[in-house]
Protein backbone atom coordinates (compact mmCIF):
# COMPACT_ATOMS: atom_id res chain seq x y z
CA UNK A 1 6.11 -15.73 0.29
CA UNK A 2 5.49 -16.43 4.21
CA UNK A 3 6.22 -14.00 7.01
CA UNK A 4 9.61 -16.25 7.62
CA UNK A 5 10.75 -16.40 4.32
CA UNK A 6 10.15 -12.41 4.14
CA UNK A 7 12.45 -12.22 7.70
CA UNK A 8 14.65 -14.41 6.21
CA UNK A 9 15.68 -12.74 3.04
CA UNK A 10 16.27 -9.68 4.98
CA UNK A 11 18.34 -11.06 7.76
CA UNK A 12 20.58 -12.76 5.05
CA UNK A 13 21.58 -10.33 3.04
CA UNK A 14 22.83 -7.70 5.38
CA UNK A 15 26.19 -10.28 6.49
CA UNK A 16 26.14 -11.65 3.21
CA UNK A 17 27.54 -7.88 2.20
CA UNK A 18 29.29 -7.08 4.71
CA UNK A 19 32.44 -8.52 3.55
CA UNK A 20 32.55 -6.26 1.50
CA UNK A 21 31.36 -3.00 3.33
CA UNK A 22 32.98 0.23 2.40
CA UNK A 23 30.46 2.06 5.12
CA UNK A 24 27.99 1.53 7.51
CA UNK A 25 25.77 4.34 9.34
CA UNK A 26 23.10 3.53 11.86
CA UNK A 27 20.37 5.92 12.64
CA UNK A 28 16.90 5.84 14.84
CA UNK A 29 13.92 8.01 16.43
CA UNK A 30 11.85 7.43 19.61
CA UNK A 31 8.24 9.16 19.32
CA UNK A 32 5.45 9.33 21.86
CA UNK A 33 1.89 10.16 20.66
CA UNK A 34 -1.59 11.25 21.43
CA UNK A 35 -4.80 11.00 19.27
CA UNK A 36 -8.03 12.20 19.66
CA UNK A 37 -10.19 10.27 17.23
CA UNK A 38 -14.12 10.35 16.68
CA UNK A 39 -15.81 7.47 15.02
CA UNK A 40 -12.42 5.39 14.90
CA UNK A 41 -13.60 2.50 12.89
CA UNK A 42 -16.02 4.30 10.71
CA UNK A 43 -19.19 2.35 11.70
CA UNK A 44 -22.87 2.95 11.00
CA UNK A 45 -24.11 4.59 13.21
CA UNK A 46 -20.89 6.12 14.36
CA UNK A 47 -18.89 4.66 17.18
CA UNK A 48 -17.83 6.54 20.19
CA UNK A 49 -15.20 8.88 20.49
CA UNK A 50 -11.99 7.27 21.71
CA UNK A 51 -8.79 8.49 22.37
CA UNK A 52 -5.31 6.84 21.82
CA UNK A 53 -1.71 6.61 23.48
CA UNK A 54 1.50 5.33 20.92
CA UNK A 55 5.30 5.09 21.50
CA UNK A 56 7.09 4.51 18.60
CA UNK A 57 10.83 3.10 17.35
CA UNK A 58 12.44 3.47 14.63
CA UNK A 59 16.18 2.29 13.95
CA UNK A 60 17.85 2.07 10.50
CA UNK A 61 21.05 0.34 9.10
CA UNK A 62 22.49 1.21 6.26
CA UNK A 63 25.76 0.75 4.58
CA UNK A 64 26.80 1.61 0.54
CA UNK A 65 29.79 0.76 -1.60
CA UNK A 66 31.24 1.63 -4.79
CA UNK A 67 29.41 -1.39 -6.58
CA UNK A 68 26.28 -1.76 -4.06
CA UNK A 69 23.94 -0.39 -1.25
CA UNK A 70 21.95 -1.53 1.56
CA UNK A 71 19.63 -1.33 4.20
CA UNK A 72 17.56 -2.62 6.39
CA UNK A 73 14.71 -0.52 8.40
CA UNK A 74 12.64 -1.45 11.84
CA UNK A 75 9.87 -0.21 13.63
CA UNK A 76 7.42 -0.85 16.32
CA UNK A 77 4.62 0.96 17.60
CA UNK A 78 3.20 0.31 20.93
CA UNK A 79 -0.38 1.75 21.27
CA UNK A 80 -2.96 1.88 24.11
CA UNK A 81 -7.17 2.45 23.33
CA UNK A 82 -10.07 1.20 24.93
CA UNK A 83 -11.15 0.21 21.18
CA UNK A 84 -9.64 -3.28 20.60
CA UNK A 85 -8.40 -2.45 17.20
CA UNK A 86 -6.43 0.62 18.11
CA UNK A 87 -5.05 -1.50 20.88
CA UNK A 88 -3.08 -3.35 18.77
CA UNK A 89 0.52 -2.94 18.68
CA UNK A 90 2.66 -2.57 15.27
CA UNK A 91 5.49 -3.61 13.84
CA UNK A 92 7.61 -4.37 10.66
CA UNK A 93 10.80 -5.30 9.28
CA UNK A 94 11.75 -3.86 5.60
CA UNK A 95 15.27 -4.43 3.59
CA UNK A 96 16.24 -3.13 0.68
CA UNK A 97 19.74 -2.57 -1.65
CA UNK A 98 21.20 -3.17 -5.12
CA UNK A 99 24.23 -4.59 -6.64
CA UNK A 100 25.73 -2.71 -9.51
CA UNK A 101 27.45 -3.84 -12.36
CA UNK A 102 28.94 -2.30 -15.71
CA UNK A 103 26.05 -2.14 -17.48
CA UNK A 104 23.43 -3.87 -15.35
CA UNK A 105 21.36 -3.29 -12.00
CA UNK A 106 20.47 -5.59 -9.84
CA UNK A 107 18.09 -4.79 -6.85
CA UNK A 108 15.67 -6.40 -4.46
CA UNK A 109 13.05 -5.12 -1.41
CA UNK A 110 11.52 -7.83 1.21
CA UNK A 111 9.47 -6.61 3.83
CA UNK A 112 6.87 -7.86 6.61
CA UNK A 113 4.72 -5.77 8.95
CA UNK A 114 1.35 -5.84 10.92
CA UNK A 115 -0.56 -2.68 11.35
CA UNK A 116 -3.85 -1.40 11.79
CA UNK A 117 -5.34 -0.64 8.68
CA UNK A 118 -8.74 0.36 6.24
CA UNK A 119 -9.60 -2.57 4.33
CA UNK A 120 -12.26 -2.74 1.40
CA UNK A 121 -15.20 -4.94 2.80
CA UNK A 122 -17.36 -7.35 0.25
CA UNK A 123 -21.15 -6.77 0.92
CA UNK A 124 -24.31 -7.94 -0.50
CA UNK A 125 -24.74 -4.18 -2.02
CA UNK A 126 -21.22 -3.77 -2.88
CA UNK A 127 -17.78 -2.61 -0.89
CA UNK A 128 -18.02 -1.09 2.45
CA UNK A 129 -14.78 0.41 4.32
CA UNK A 130 -13.09 -1.89 8.06
CA UNK A 131 -10.53 -1.28 10.17
CA UNK A 132 -8.41 -4.30 10.73
CA UNK A 133 -5.37 -6.21 11.83
CA UNK A 134 -3.51 -7.28 8.78
CA UNK A 135 -0.46 -9.03 8.15
CA UNK A 136 1.90 -8.51 5.40
CA UNK A 137 4.95 -9.91 3.49
CA UNK A 138 6.02 -9.19 0.42
CA UNK A 139 9.47 -9.57 -1.81
CA UNK A 140 10.10 -7.90 -4.94
CA UNK A 141 13.57 -8.58 -7.04
CA UNK A 142 14.18 -6.17 -9.78
CA UNK A 143 16.96 -5.52 -12.63
CA UNK A 144 17.95 -3.12 -14.77
CA UNK A 145 19.78 -3.34 -18.29
CA UNK A 146 21.14 -0.53 -19.49
CA UNK A 147 21.48 -1.60 -23.90
CA UNK A 148 22.07 1.94 -25.06
CA UNK A 149 22.98 5.33 -24.33
CA UNK A 150 18.94 5.90 -24.67
CA UNK A 151 17.55 2.71 -24.31
CA UNK A 152 16.96 1.06 -20.79
CA UNK A 153 15.20 -2.50 -20.20
CA UNK A 154 13.82 -3.04 -16.37
CA UNK A 155 11.82 -6.44 -15.29
CA UNK A 156 10.40 -6.80 -11.73
CA UNK A 157 8.93 -9.66 -9.96
CA UNK A 158 6.41 -9.22 -6.40
CA UNK A 159 5.29 -11.46 -4.20
CA UNK A 160 2.87 -10.87 -1.56
CA UNK A 161 0.84 -12.62 1.37
CA UNK A 162 -2.05 -10.56 3.52
CA UNK A 163 -3.51 -12.08 6.68
CA UNK A 164 -6.28 -10.74 8.92
CA UNK A 165 -5.65 -11.71 11.64
CA UNK A 166 -9.02 -10.70 12.99
CA UNK A 167 -11.83 -12.27 11.63
CA UNK A 168 -14.03 -9.67 9.80
CA UNK A 169 -17.23 -10.61 7.54
CA UNK A 170 -16.07 -9.65 4.42
CA UNK A 171 -12.16 -10.29 4.23
CA UNK A 172 -10.41 -12.63 2.59
CA UNK A 173 -6.22 -13.38 3.33
CA UNK A 174 -4.99 -13.44 -0.30
CA UNK A 175 -1.66 -14.01 -2.23
CA UNK A 176 -0.62 -12.43 -5.01
CA UNK A 177 2.02 -12.67 -7.86
CA UNK A 178 3.53 -10.01 -10.44
CA UNK A 179 5.87 -9.07 -12.70
CA UNK A 180 6.35 -6.37 -14.96
CA UNK A 181 8.86 -5.86 -18.10
CA UNK A 182 9.49 -2.24 -20.06
CA UNK A 183 11.21 -0.17 -22.31
CA UNK A 184 12.77 3.13 -21.88
CA UNK A 185 13.88 5.62 -24.37
CA UNK A 186 15.49 8.47 -23.90
CA UNK A 187 14.67 10.95 -26.25
CA UNK A 188 16.26 14.08 -25.09
CA UNK A 189 17.62 15.41 -21.58
CA UNK A 190 14.21 16.35 -20.65
CA UNK A 191 12.23 13.76 -22.16
CA UNK A 192 12.58 10.01 -21.46
CA UNK A 193 9.21 7.33 -23.05
CA UNK A 194 8.25 4.39 -22.32
CA UNK A 195 6.51 1.04 -23.08
CA UNK A 196 5.62 -1.91 -20.66
CA UNK A 197 3.70 -5.28 -20.10
CA UNK A 198 2.47 -6.33 -16.86
CA UNK A 199 1.08 -9.61 -15.24
CA UNK A 200 -1.05 -10.45 -11.65
CA UNK A 201 -1.95 -13.78 -10.37
CA UNK A 202 -4.57 -13.33 -6.98
CA UNK A 203 -5.97 -15.87 -4.93
CA UNK A 204 -7.52 -16.75 -1.61
CA UNK A 205 -7.71 -18.61 1.04
CA UNK A 206 -9.59 -20.28 1.25
CA UNK A 207 -9.52 -21.42 -2.34
CA UNK A 208 -12.83 -19.40 -3.55
CA UNK A 209 -11.21 -16.62 -6.09
CA UNK A 210 -8.56 -17.17 -8.66
CA UNK A 211 -8.05 -13.92 -11.08
CA UNK A 212 -5.53 -13.12 -13.48
CA UNK A 213 -5.11 -10.28 -14.79
CA UNK A 214 -2.66 -8.83 -17.87
CA UNK A 215 -2.07 -5.39 -18.99
CA UNK A 216 -0.13 -2.71 -20.99
CA UNK A 217 1.13 1.08 -20.35
CA UNK A 218 2.95 3.89 -22.13
CA UNK A 219 4.11 6.48 -20.78
CA UNK A 220 6.34 9.73 -20.15
CA UNK A 221 8.97 11.33 -17.56
CA UNK A 222 8.71 15.20 -18.84
CA UNK A 223 10.83 18.26 -17.27
CA UNK A 224 9.30 21.08 -19.02
CA UNK A 225 11.19 23.53 -17.20
CA UNK A 226 13.19 24.13 -13.33
CA UNK A 227 10.02 23.96 -10.92
CA UNK A 228 7.78 21.32 -12.86
CA UNK A 229 8.37 17.50 -13.31
CA UNK A 230 5.40 15.91 -15.25
CA UNK A 231 4.77 11.80 -14.93
CA UNK A 232 2.34 9.92 -17.23
CA UNK A 233 1.22 6.83 -18.36
CA UNK A 234 -2.29 5.50 -19.84
CA UNK A 235 -2.81 1.65 -20.66
CA UNK A 236 -5.00 -1.34 -20.66
CA UNK A 237 -5.88 -4.40 -18.77
CA UNK A 238 -7.83 -8.00 -18.87
CA UNK A 239 -9.13 -9.50 -15.76
CA UNK A 240 -10.25 -13.13 -16.07
CA UNK A 241 -11.78 -14.10 -13.17
CA UNK A 242 -13.70 -17.53 -11.51
CA UNK A 243 -15.36 -17.72 -8.14
CA UNK A 244 -16.82 -20.26 -6.86
CA UNK A 245 -19.08 -20.97 -3.96
CA UNK A 246 -21.30 -23.89 -1.58
CA UNK A 247 -24.95 -23.66 -2.05
CA UNK A 248 -27.51 -25.14 -0.04
CA UNK A 249 -30.52 -27.05 -2.06
CA UNK A 250 -32.89 -29.31 -1.17
CA UNK A 251 -32.99 -32.71 -3.08
CA UNK A 252 -36.68 -33.29 -2.86
CA UNK A 253 -39.67 -30.97 -3.22
CA UNK A 254 -41.22 -29.05 -1.49
CA UNK A 255 -38.21 -27.55 0.13
CA UNK A 256 -40.14 -27.47 3.79
CA UNK A 257 -38.80 -30.92 4.38
CA UNK A 258 -35.46 -29.77 4.27
CA UNK A 259 -36.19 -26.41 6.46
CA UNK A 260 -37.94 -28.57 8.82
CA UNK A 261 -34.86 -30.99 9.22
CA UNK A 262 -36.89 -33.83 7.56
CA UNK A 263 -34.51 -33.90 4.64
CA UNK A 264 -30.70 -32.79 4.88
CA UNK A 265 -29.94 -30.06 2.61
CA UNK A 266 -27.06 -31.13 0.23
CA UNK A 267 -24.01 -28.75 -0.53
CA UNK A 268 -23.51 -28.47 -4.23
CA UNK A 269 -20.42 -26.39 -5.97
CA UNK A 270 -21.37 -23.56 -7.52
CA UNK A 271 -18.56 -21.73 -10.09
CA UNK A 272 -18.76 -18.22 -12.06
CA UNK A 273 -16.21 -17.33 -14.70
CA UNK A 274 -15.89 -14.04 -16.79
CA UNK A 275 -13.49 -11.02 -18.32
CA UNK A 276 -13.69 -7.67 -17.04
CA UNK A 277 -11.67 -5.00 -19.74
CA UNK A 278 -10.50 -1.38 -18.58
CA UNK A 279 -8.13 1.15 -18.78
CA UNK A 280 -5.91 2.49 -15.94
CA UNK A 281 -3.35 5.47 -15.97
CA UNK A 282 -0.91 7.23 -13.98
CA UNK A 283 -0.71 10.88 -13.61
CA UNK A 284 1.79 12.86 -11.29
CA UNK A 285 3.15 16.35 -11.21
CA UNK A 286 5.23 18.06 -8.87
CA UNK A 287 6.04 21.92 -8.68
CA UNK A 288 9.13 23.54 -6.77
CA UNK A 289 9.55 26.86 -7.30
CA UNK A 290 11.81 27.17 -4.56
CA UNK A 291 13.35 25.76 -1.38
CA UNK A 292 10.79 26.32 0.35
CA UNK A 293 7.47 25.47 -1.57
CA UNK A 294 6.35 22.19 -2.98
CA UNK A 295 3.25 20.68 -4.75
CA UNK A 296 2.50 17.48 -5.61
CA UNK A 297 -0.73 16.52 -7.92
CA UNK A 298 -1.85 12.81 -8.43
CA UNK A 299 -4.31 11.44 -10.86
CA UNK A 300 -4.54 7.14 -10.50
CA UNK A 301 -6.56 4.90 -11.92
CA UNK A 302 -5.53 0.55 -11.24
CA UNK A 303 -6.49 -2.68 -10.30
CA UNK A 304 -5.04 -4.53 -7.77
CA UNK A 305 -5.18 -7.03 -5.10
CA UNK A 306 -8.22 -6.33 -2.16
CA UNK A 307 -9.52 -8.31 1.24
CA UNK A 308 -12.75 -8.14 0.06
CA UNK A 309 -12.11 -11.85 -1.97
CA UNK A 310 -11.05 -10.12 -5.35
CA UNK A 311 -9.32 -7.33 -7.35
CA UNK A 312 -9.94 -4.00 -6.87
CA UNK A 313 -10.22 -1.22 -9.29
CA UNK A 314 -9.18 1.85 -7.34
CA UNK A 315 -9.15 5.35 -8.76
CA UNK A 316 -8.17 8.68 -6.93
CA UNK A 317 -7.03 12.29 -7.31
CA UNK A 318 -4.88 14.00 -4.36
CA UNK A 319 -2.94 16.85 -4.08
CA UNK A 320 -0.19 17.94 -1.05
CA UNK A 321 1.13 21.03 -0.65
CA UNK A 322 4.10 21.94 1.58
CA UNK A 323 5.46 25.27 2.73
CA UNK A 324 8.79 25.91 4.66
CA UNK A 325 7.66 29.19 7.07
CA UNK A 326 10.94 29.29 8.80
CA UNK A 327 14.02 26.96 9.32
CA UNK A 328 12.65 24.87 11.57
CA UNK A 329 8.45 25.48 11.00
CA UNK A 330 6.57 23.57 7.99
CA UNK A 331 3.17 23.39 7.30
CA UNK A 332 2.06 20.40 5.24
CA UNK A 333 -2.14 20.43 3.69
CA UNK A 334 -3.40 17.50 1.49
CA UNK A 335 -6.64 16.52 0.78
CA UNK A 336 -8.19 13.57 -2.00
CA UNK A 337 -10.61 10.94 -3.12
CA UNK A 338 -11.01 7.84 -3.81
CA UNK A 339 -12.87 5.08 -5.51
CA UNK A 340 -12.99 1.13 -5.17
CA UNK A 341 -15.25 -1.64 -6.53
CA UNK A 342 -14.70 -5.29 -6.54
CA UNK A 343 -13.92 -6.88 -9.87
CA UNK A 344 -16.70 -9.44 -10.55
CA UNK A 345 -17.40 -12.56 -13.02
CA UNK A 346 -18.85 -10.07 -15.61
CA UNK A 347 -18.48 -6.52 -14.61
CA UNK A 348 -17.79 -3.83 -11.52
CA UNK A 349 -19.42 -3.58 -8.75
CA UNK A 350 -20.83 -0.51 -6.67
CA UNK A 351 -18.10 2.16 -5.42
CA UNK A 352 -17.28 3.14 -2.23
CA UNK A 353 -16.06 6.66 -2.05
CA UNK A 354 -13.96 7.96 0.45
CA UNK A 355 -12.69 11.53 0.80
CA UNK A 356 -9.93 12.26 2.94
CA UNK A 357 -8.00 16.22 4.00
CA UNK A 358 -5.57 16.53 6.83
CA UNK A 359 -3.56 19.19 8.10
CA UNK A 360 -0.01 18.94 9.99
CA UNK A 361 2.55 21.63 11.59
CA UNK A 362 6.25 20.52 12.38
CA UNK A 363 8.18 22.24 14.49
CA UNK A 364 12.02 21.54 15.22
CA UNK A 365 12.55 22.49 18.83
CA UNK A 366 16.45 21.72 18.59
CA UNK A 367 18.24 19.41 16.63
CA UNK A 368 17.01 15.81 17.70
CA UNK A 369 13.75 17.22 18.96
CA UNK A 370 10.28 17.76 16.59
CA UNK A 371 6.74 18.41 17.85
CA UNK A 372 4.11 17.72 15.63
CA UNK A 373 0.61 18.41 15.97
CA UNK A 374 -2.21 18.44 13.11
CA UNK A 375 -5.62 17.13 12.35
CA UNK A 376 -7.20 14.77 9.82
CA UNK A 377 -10.80 13.59 8.07
CA UNK A 378 -12.13 10.92 6.84
CA UNK A 379 -15.84 9.95 5.29
CA UNK A 380 -16.71 6.74 3.18
CA UNK A 381 -19.91 6.96 1.10
CA UNK A 382 -20.82 3.28 0.72
CA UNK A 383 -23.17 1.77 -2.04
CA UNK A 384 -25.87 1.07 1.06
CA UNK A 385 -26.63 4.75 1.36
CA UNK A 386 -24.09 4.99 4.23
CA UNK A 387 -21.64 7.78 5.19
CA UNK A 388 -19.30 7.36 7.85
CA UNK A 389 -16.73 9.86 9.31
CA UNK A 390 -14.28 9.90 11.46
CA UNK A 391 -11.93 13.24 12.53
CA UNK A 392 -8.75 12.46 14.46
CA UNK A 393 -6.57 15.00 16.07
CA UNK A 394 -2.89 13.94 17.41
CA UNK A 395 0.11 15.67 18.73
CA UNK A 396 3.65 14.14 19.38
CA UNK A 397 7.10 14.70 20.58
CA UNK A 398 9.79 13.10 18.41
CA UNK A 399 13.42 12.34 18.85
CA UNK A 400 15.64 11.27 15.98
CA UNK A 401 19.49 10.83 15.05
CA UNK A 402 20.43 11.00 12.01
CA UNK A 403 22.52 8.83 9.98
CA UNK A 404 25.71 8.33 11.53
CA UNK A 405 28.99 6.46 10.89
CA UNK A 406 29.00 2.84 12.25
CA UNK A 407 32.21 2.50 13.92
CA UNK A 408 34.13 -0.60 14.21
CA UNK A 409 36.71 -2.12 17.10
């Protein structure tokens, strides 16, 4: 799906629903931000420390009626820095909506965005990390059908395209389409069981990789008490891939005739294909003992698209803790570790391991004014042995307007 198609979907849906709108609201924010970043591109050896100034604007338009809801979010961030990749402006448009029937719910989400994001880069020694401009567009329709009071059927489809505006060696544009279907059973008011199947089709541009994955999952949603919420699933996946490449072959011997230019090399296409199987899981737990404290725990293993020219396997664990000190001041701390490896023709490649930690403070100065400040730290352990790291200090001032009724003439 192209960027233009995603914009057309988002722009067309709200006017189509407007004739039946019951209530419209709007909101938005404007923020200024200053960052000091060491080694901003995770380079080896480390790049010089740089700063970035940013102004970000957001806007939301939403509507709700008895049988449908819809929302359109837009954001734009102006960035200024002497590091080119940090100087890229970021923007996006996101649409989401639902249509309710007696036993069915239809949903649609569509988005298009440009950002500068960390991406996995394929190298001869494995996967690396790079900061690169990325243009992403996706669309995802959903359907939920209540079979009985206890049984629910869910289906989802998705299409995504990713293009890297600045050609970073090892990054490849790609597109992916996928779908899933699941059956959920409410065993009791505190326990839901689910079983599902999924499929994903991955293609690169230029067409050097074609991967198709099939998988299954079994999971549960459990509420042991008023404080804890547990979600867990386990499954398996099978990835079949085909890689094509061009090799230069000298048609005569010795090869010195080709190397000196007396005889031209011949470009010969080569192809490798194979199948890789593995397990996937997703476990999440939230603990909310009171109105002031929230603890989130997460562990996942998934297979998905990457900019390295292949599907990738990602394992991650993380923890996030938020505490509201007063009615106006709150603090948040989170930490995570992630391992990412490229799925090859017959095996999973070497992994890049990333560690992340951050701490921030939010102070509501007035009804619409908020001051945010904090620090972030990131380190990547590469298969080649390098360990680049980056640290960021930031402070921002934000003016926000919460959802307000949109009154007509």
